[in-house]
N, C-alpha and C. Protein backbone atom coordinates (compact mmCIF):
# COMPACT_ATOMS: atom_id res chain seq x y z
N MET A 1 2.67 4.08 11.79
CA MET A 1 2.06 2.83 11.39
C MET A 1 2.97 1.69 11.82
N ASP A 2 2.49 0.80 12.65
CA ASP A 2 3.27 -0.35 13.09
C ASP A 2 3.18 -1.43 12.03
N THR A 3 4.32 -1.74 11.42
CA THR A 3 4.32 -2.73 10.35
C THR A 3 5.21 -3.91 10.66
N LYS A 4 5.64 -4.06 11.86
CA LYS A 4 6.54 -5.17 12.19
C LYS A 4 5.78 -6.49 12.14
N THR A 5 6.17 -7.33 11.19
CA THR A 5 5.48 -8.60 11.00
C THR A 5 6.17 -9.73 11.74
N GLY A 6 7.51 -9.73 11.71
CA GLY A 6 8.26 -10.83 12.30
C GLY A 6 8.09 -12.14 11.54
N VAL A 7 7.54 -12.08 10.33
CA VAL A 7 7.27 -13.28 9.53
C VAL A 7 8.40 -13.48 8.54
N ASP A 8 8.96 -14.70 8.50
CA ASP A 8 10.08 -14.99 7.61
C ASP A 8 9.61 -15.55 6.27
N GLY A 9 8.31 -15.64 6.05
CA GLY A 9 7.78 -16.13 4.79
C GLY A 9 7.08 -15.03 4.03
N PRO A 10 6.57 -15.35 2.84
CA PRO A 10 5.89 -14.36 2.01
C PRO A 10 4.70 -13.71 2.73
N VAL A 11 4.50 -12.42 2.47
CA VAL A 11 3.36 -11.70 3.02
C VAL A 11 2.75 -10.81 1.94
N THR A 12 1.50 -10.50 2.15
CA THR A 12 0.78 -9.58 1.28
C THR A 12 0.24 -8.45 2.14
N VAL A 13 0.48 -7.23 1.71
CA VAL A 13 -0.07 -6.07 2.39
C VAL A 13 -1.32 -5.65 1.65
N ILE A 14 -2.41 -5.49 2.37
CA ILE A 14 -3.65 -5.02 1.79
C ILE A 14 -4.09 -3.78 2.57
N LYS A 15 -4.23 -2.67 1.85
CA LYS A 15 -4.65 -1.42 2.48
C LYS A 15 -5.82 -0.87 1.68
N SER A 16 -6.76 -0.31 2.39
CA SER A 16 -7.79 0.44 1.68
C SER A 16 -7.56 1.91 1.99
N TYR A 17 -7.74 2.72 0.98
CA TYR A 17 -7.64 4.17 1.11
C TYR A 17 -8.94 4.76 0.60
N SER A 18 -9.54 5.65 1.33
CA SER A 18 -10.72 6.37 0.87
C SER A 18 -10.38 7.84 0.74
N VAL A 19 -10.78 8.41 -0.39
CA VAL A 19 -10.58 9.84 -0.63
C VAL A 19 -11.84 10.38 -1.31
N PRO A 20 -12.14 11.66 -1.12
CA PRO A 20 -13.24 12.26 -1.87
C PRO A 20 -12.99 12.11 -3.38
N VAL A 21 -14.05 11.90 -4.15
CA VAL A 21 -13.92 11.63 -5.57
C VAL A 21 -13.11 12.72 -6.29
N GLU A 22 -13.26 13.96 -5.87
CA GLU A 22 -12.53 15.04 -6.54
C GLU A 22 -11.03 15.03 -6.24
N GLU A 23 -10.59 14.21 -5.29
CA GLU A 23 -9.17 14.09 -4.95
C GLU A 23 -8.56 12.79 -5.48
N ALA A 24 -9.33 12.00 -6.19
CA ALA A 24 -8.88 10.67 -6.62
C ALA A 24 -7.64 10.72 -7.51
N GLU A 25 -7.62 11.60 -8.48
CA GLU A 25 -6.47 11.65 -9.40
C GLU A 25 -5.21 12.11 -8.67
N ARG A 26 -5.35 13.06 -7.78
CA ARG A 26 -4.19 13.51 -6.98
C ARG A 26 -3.69 12.38 -6.10
N PHE A 27 -4.60 11.61 -5.52
CA PHE A 27 -4.19 10.48 -4.69
C PHE A 27 -3.38 9.48 -5.52
N ILE A 28 -3.81 9.20 -6.73
CA ILE A 28 -3.09 8.25 -7.59
C ILE A 28 -1.67 8.73 -7.84
N GLU A 29 -1.49 10.02 -8.10
CA GLU A 29 -0.16 10.59 -8.30
C GLU A 29 0.73 10.39 -7.07
N VAL A 30 0.19 10.71 -5.91
CA VAL A 30 0.96 10.60 -4.67
C VAL A 30 1.26 9.14 -4.36
N TYR A 31 0.29 8.26 -4.60
CA TYR A 31 0.48 6.83 -4.40
C TYR A 31 1.65 6.32 -5.25
N GLN A 32 1.71 6.76 -6.51
CA GLN A 32 2.77 6.30 -7.41
C GLN A 32 4.15 6.68 -6.88
N GLU A 33 4.28 7.86 -6.31
CA GLU A 33 5.56 8.27 -5.74
C GLU A 33 5.95 7.33 -4.60
N ASN A 34 5.00 7.07 -3.72
CA ASN A 34 5.24 6.21 -2.57
C ASN A 34 5.56 4.79 -3.00
N ALA A 35 4.77 4.24 -3.92
CA ALA A 35 4.98 2.86 -4.38
C ALA A 35 6.30 2.74 -5.13
N GLY A 36 6.71 3.80 -5.83
CA GLY A 36 7.98 3.76 -6.54
C GLY A 36 9.16 3.61 -5.61
N ILE A 37 9.07 4.21 -4.44
CA ILE A 37 10.13 4.05 -3.44
C ILE A 37 10.19 2.61 -2.97
N MET A 38 9.04 2.02 -2.68
CA MET A 38 9.00 0.64 -2.20
C MET A 38 9.45 -0.35 -3.26
N ALA A 39 9.20 -0.03 -4.52
CA ALA A 39 9.55 -0.95 -5.61
C ALA A 39 11.05 -1.22 -5.70
N HIS A 40 11.85 -0.36 -5.11
CA HIS A 40 13.31 -0.54 -5.14
C HIS A 40 13.84 -1.24 -3.89
N GLN A 41 12.98 -1.63 -2.99
CA GLN A 41 13.40 -2.27 -1.75
C GLN A 41 13.63 -3.77 -1.95
N PRO A 42 14.65 -4.34 -1.31
CA PRO A 42 14.85 -5.79 -1.39
C PRO A 42 13.63 -6.53 -0.85
N GLY A 43 13.21 -7.56 -1.57
CA GLY A 43 12.08 -8.37 -1.15
C GLY A 43 10.75 -7.93 -1.74
N PHE A 44 10.71 -6.75 -2.36
CA PHE A 44 9.49 -6.28 -3.01
C PHE A 44 9.21 -7.14 -4.23
N LEU A 45 7.97 -7.60 -4.37
CA LEU A 45 7.60 -8.41 -5.54
C LEU A 45 6.70 -7.63 -6.49
N ARG A 46 5.64 -7.04 -5.99
CA ARG A 46 4.77 -6.24 -6.83
C ARG A 46 3.77 -5.46 -5.97
N SER A 47 3.22 -4.43 -6.59
CA SER A 47 2.22 -3.60 -5.93
C SER A 47 1.16 -3.24 -6.96
N ARG A 48 -0.08 -3.26 -6.52
CA ARG A 48 -1.19 -2.91 -7.40
C ARG A 48 -2.15 -2.00 -6.63
N LEU A 49 -2.69 -1.02 -7.33
CA LEU A 49 -3.70 -0.15 -6.75
C LEU A 49 -4.98 -0.36 -7.55
N HIS A 50 -6.04 -0.73 -6.86
CA HIS A 50 -7.32 -1.01 -7.50
C HIS A 50 -8.28 0.13 -7.21
N ARG A 51 -9.04 0.51 -8.26
CA ARG A 51 -10.06 1.55 -8.13
C ARG A 51 -11.40 0.93 -8.50
N PRO A 52 -12.47 1.27 -7.80
CA PRO A 52 -13.79 0.70 -8.14
C PRO A 52 -14.18 1.05 -9.58
N LEU A 53 -14.98 0.20 -10.17
CA LEU A 53 -15.47 0.47 -11.53
C LEU A 53 -16.37 1.70 -11.56
N ALA A 54 -17.11 1.93 -10.50
CA ALA A 54 -17.99 3.09 -10.40
C ALA A 54 -17.60 3.90 -9.17
N ASP A 55 -17.41 5.19 -9.37
CA ASP A 55 -17.06 6.07 -8.25
C ASP A 55 -18.30 6.46 -7.47
N ALA A 56 -18.08 6.69 -6.21
CA ALA A 56 -19.09 7.22 -5.30
C ALA A 56 -18.52 8.54 -4.78
N PRO A 57 -19.22 9.23 -3.90
CA PRO A 57 -18.66 10.48 -3.35
C PRO A 57 -17.29 10.26 -2.70
N GLU A 58 -17.08 9.09 -2.09
CA GLU A 58 -15.78 8.69 -1.56
C GLU A 58 -15.30 7.51 -2.40
N VAL A 59 -14.08 7.63 -2.96
CA VAL A 59 -13.52 6.55 -3.75
C VAL A 59 -12.68 5.68 -2.82
N ARG A 60 -12.99 4.40 -2.79
CA ARG A 60 -12.24 3.47 -1.95
C ARG A 60 -11.28 2.68 -2.81
N PHE A 61 -10.00 3.05 -2.74
CA PHE A 61 -8.94 2.34 -3.44
C PHE A 61 -8.50 1.16 -2.59
N VAL A 62 -8.06 0.09 -3.23
CA VAL A 62 -7.48 -1.05 -2.52
C VAL A 62 -6.08 -1.27 -3.07
N HIS A 63 -5.12 -1.22 -2.18
CA HIS A 63 -3.70 -1.43 -2.51
C HIS A 63 -3.32 -2.83 -2.07
N ILE A 64 -2.67 -3.57 -2.96
CA ILE A 64 -2.21 -4.92 -2.64
C ILE A 64 -0.74 -5.01 -3.05
N ALA A 65 0.12 -5.36 -2.10
CA ALA A 65 1.55 -5.49 -2.37
C ALA A 65 2.05 -6.83 -1.85
N ASP A 66 2.82 -7.50 -2.66
CA ASP A 66 3.40 -8.79 -2.28
C ASP A 66 4.88 -8.63 -1.99
N TRP A 67 5.30 -9.29 -0.91
CA TRP A 67 6.69 -9.24 -0.46
C TRP A 67 7.21 -10.65 -0.29
N SER A 68 8.50 -10.83 -0.55
CA SER A 68 9.11 -12.16 -0.41
C SER A 68 9.08 -12.63 1.03
N SER A 69 9.10 -11.68 1.96
CA SER A 69 9.00 -12.04 3.38
C SER A 69 8.53 -10.85 4.19
N GLY A 70 7.96 -11.16 5.33
CA GLY A 70 7.57 -10.10 6.25
C GLY A 70 8.78 -9.35 6.77
N LEU A 71 9.90 -10.06 6.92
CA LEU A 71 11.11 -9.40 7.41
C LEU A 71 11.61 -8.37 6.41
N ALA A 72 11.51 -8.67 5.10
CA ALA A 72 11.88 -7.69 4.07
C ALA A 72 10.95 -6.48 4.15
N LEU A 73 9.67 -6.73 4.35
CA LEU A 73 8.71 -5.64 4.51
C LEU A 73 9.05 -4.81 5.74
N ASP A 74 9.39 -5.47 6.84
CA ASP A 74 9.76 -4.76 8.06
C ASP A 74 10.93 -3.81 7.81
N ARG A 75 11.94 -4.29 7.08
CA ARG A 75 13.10 -3.44 6.78
C ARG A 75 12.69 -2.28 5.86
N ALA A 76 11.88 -2.58 4.86
CA ALA A 76 11.47 -1.55 3.89
C ALA A 76 10.66 -0.45 4.55
N THR A 77 9.80 -0.80 5.47
CA THR A 77 8.95 0.21 6.11
C THR A 77 9.71 1.04 7.15
N ALA A 78 10.96 0.68 7.41
CA ALA A 78 11.81 1.49 8.28
C ALA A 78 12.65 2.47 7.47
N ASP A 79 12.57 2.41 6.13
CA ASP A 79 13.36 3.27 5.26
C ASP A 79 12.94 4.73 5.43
N PRO A 80 13.88 5.62 5.75
CA PRO A 80 13.53 7.03 5.99
C PRO A 80 12.88 7.70 4.78
N GLU A 81 13.32 7.36 3.57
CA GLU A 81 12.73 7.97 2.37
C GLU A 81 11.25 7.60 2.25
N TRP A 82 10.93 6.32 2.50
CA TRP A 82 9.54 5.87 2.43
C TRP A 82 8.71 6.51 3.54
N LEU A 83 9.25 6.55 4.74
CA LEU A 83 8.53 7.16 5.86
C LEU A 83 8.21 8.63 5.56
N SER A 84 9.17 9.33 4.97
CA SER A 84 8.96 10.72 4.61
C SER A 84 7.87 10.85 3.54
N SER A 85 7.88 9.95 2.57
CA SER A 85 6.86 9.96 1.52
C SER A 85 5.47 9.71 2.10
N MET A 86 5.37 8.78 3.03
CA MET A 86 4.08 8.50 3.67
C MET A 86 3.61 9.73 4.45
N GLN A 87 4.52 10.37 5.16
CA GLN A 87 4.16 11.56 5.94
C GLN A 87 3.64 12.66 5.02
N ARG A 88 4.34 12.87 3.88
CA ARG A 88 3.90 13.89 2.92
C ARG A 88 2.50 13.56 2.39
N MET A 89 2.24 12.28 2.13
CA MET A 89 0.94 11.88 1.59
C MET A 89 -0.18 12.21 2.58
N PHE A 90 0.02 11.86 3.84
CA PHE A 90 -1.03 12.09 4.83
C PHE A 90 -1.11 13.55 5.28
N ASP A 91 -0.02 14.31 5.10
CA ASP A 91 -0.02 15.73 5.46
C ASP A 91 -0.46 16.63 4.32
N ASP A 92 -0.62 16.09 3.13
CA ASP A 92 -0.98 16.89 1.95
C ASP A 92 -2.34 17.56 2.20
N PRO A 93 -2.38 18.90 2.20
CA PRO A 93 -3.65 19.60 2.48
C PRO A 93 -4.70 19.39 1.38
N GLY A 94 -4.27 18.92 0.21
CA GLY A 94 -5.20 18.66 -0.88
C GLY A 94 -5.77 17.25 -0.86
N LEU A 95 -5.36 16.44 0.11
CA LEU A 95 -5.86 15.07 0.22
C LEU A 95 -6.47 14.84 1.59
N HIS A 96 -7.61 14.23 1.60
CA HIS A 96 -8.29 13.86 2.85
C HIS A 96 -8.44 12.35 2.84
N ILE A 97 -7.39 11.68 3.31
CA ILE A 97 -7.27 10.23 3.20
C ILE A 97 -7.65 9.56 4.51
N THR A 98 -8.40 8.48 4.40
CA THR A 98 -8.53 7.54 5.51
C THR A 98 -7.98 6.23 5.00
N SER A 99 -7.35 5.47 5.89
CA SER A 99 -6.67 4.25 5.47
C SER A 99 -6.82 3.16 6.52
N GLU A 100 -6.87 1.93 6.03
CA GLU A 100 -6.94 0.75 6.91
C GLU A 100 -5.93 -0.28 6.44
N PRO A 101 -4.67 -0.21 6.93
CA PRO A 101 -3.65 -1.18 6.50
C PRO A 101 -3.72 -2.48 7.29
N ALA A 102 -3.28 -3.54 6.64
CA ALA A 102 -3.16 -4.84 7.30
C ALA A 102 -2.20 -5.71 6.51
N GLY A 103 -1.50 -6.59 7.18
CA GLY A 103 -0.62 -7.56 6.53
C GLY A 103 -1.24 -8.94 6.60
N TYR A 104 -1.05 -9.71 5.55
CA TYR A 104 -1.65 -11.04 5.46
C TYR A 104 -0.64 -12.05 4.96
N ARG A 105 -0.89 -13.32 5.25
CA ARG A 105 -0.15 -14.41 4.62
C ARG A 105 -1.17 -15.36 4.04
N VAL A 106 -0.81 -16.02 2.95
CA VAL A 106 -1.72 -16.92 2.26
C VAL A 106 -1.93 -18.18 3.09
N VAL A 107 -3.19 -18.57 3.27
CA VAL A 107 -3.49 -19.81 3.97
C VAL A 107 -4.20 -20.81 3.05
N VAL A 108 -4.82 -20.33 1.98
CA VAL A 108 -5.43 -21.18 0.97
C VAL A 108 -5.21 -20.53 -0.39
N GLN A 109 -4.81 -21.32 -1.38
CA GLN A 109 -4.61 -20.78 -2.71
C GLN A 109 -5.09 -21.79 -3.74
N PHE A 110 -5.81 -21.32 -4.74
CA PHE A 110 -6.24 -22.14 -5.87
C PHE A 110 -5.70 -21.51 -7.15
N GLU A 111 -5.25 -22.34 -8.06
CA GLU A 111 -4.81 -21.89 -9.37
C GLU A 111 -5.39 -22.81 -10.42
N PRO A 112 -5.49 -22.33 -11.66
CA PRO A 112 -6.02 -23.21 -12.71
C PRO A 112 -5.15 -24.47 -12.85
N SER A 113 -5.80 -25.57 -13.12
CA SER A 113 -5.02 -26.81 -13.29
C SER A 113 -4.96 -27.22 -14.73
């Protein structure tokens, strides 16, 4: 996965993961291991995994992680422990994951006044 952002400002990673409904709980367990590794990286701000209110045959999770900078994210995604965790997740014979990762930066923001 190419994650080099080259961005020196804040970034948000948004990934969707789809798994068969019967694998959803296992995916959550594996996700927590992976996110726990990233949570200790410099520049990590927070990570959230969203699950739809109603499941379908394929559950589409949405992962959102905020980083202080794209450069911090670039360094974190080069971490061998994290890379190994990602490899284990996608190689797990009990999980059939499809994923669509992307990095974003905020261009418009509204907050309560």
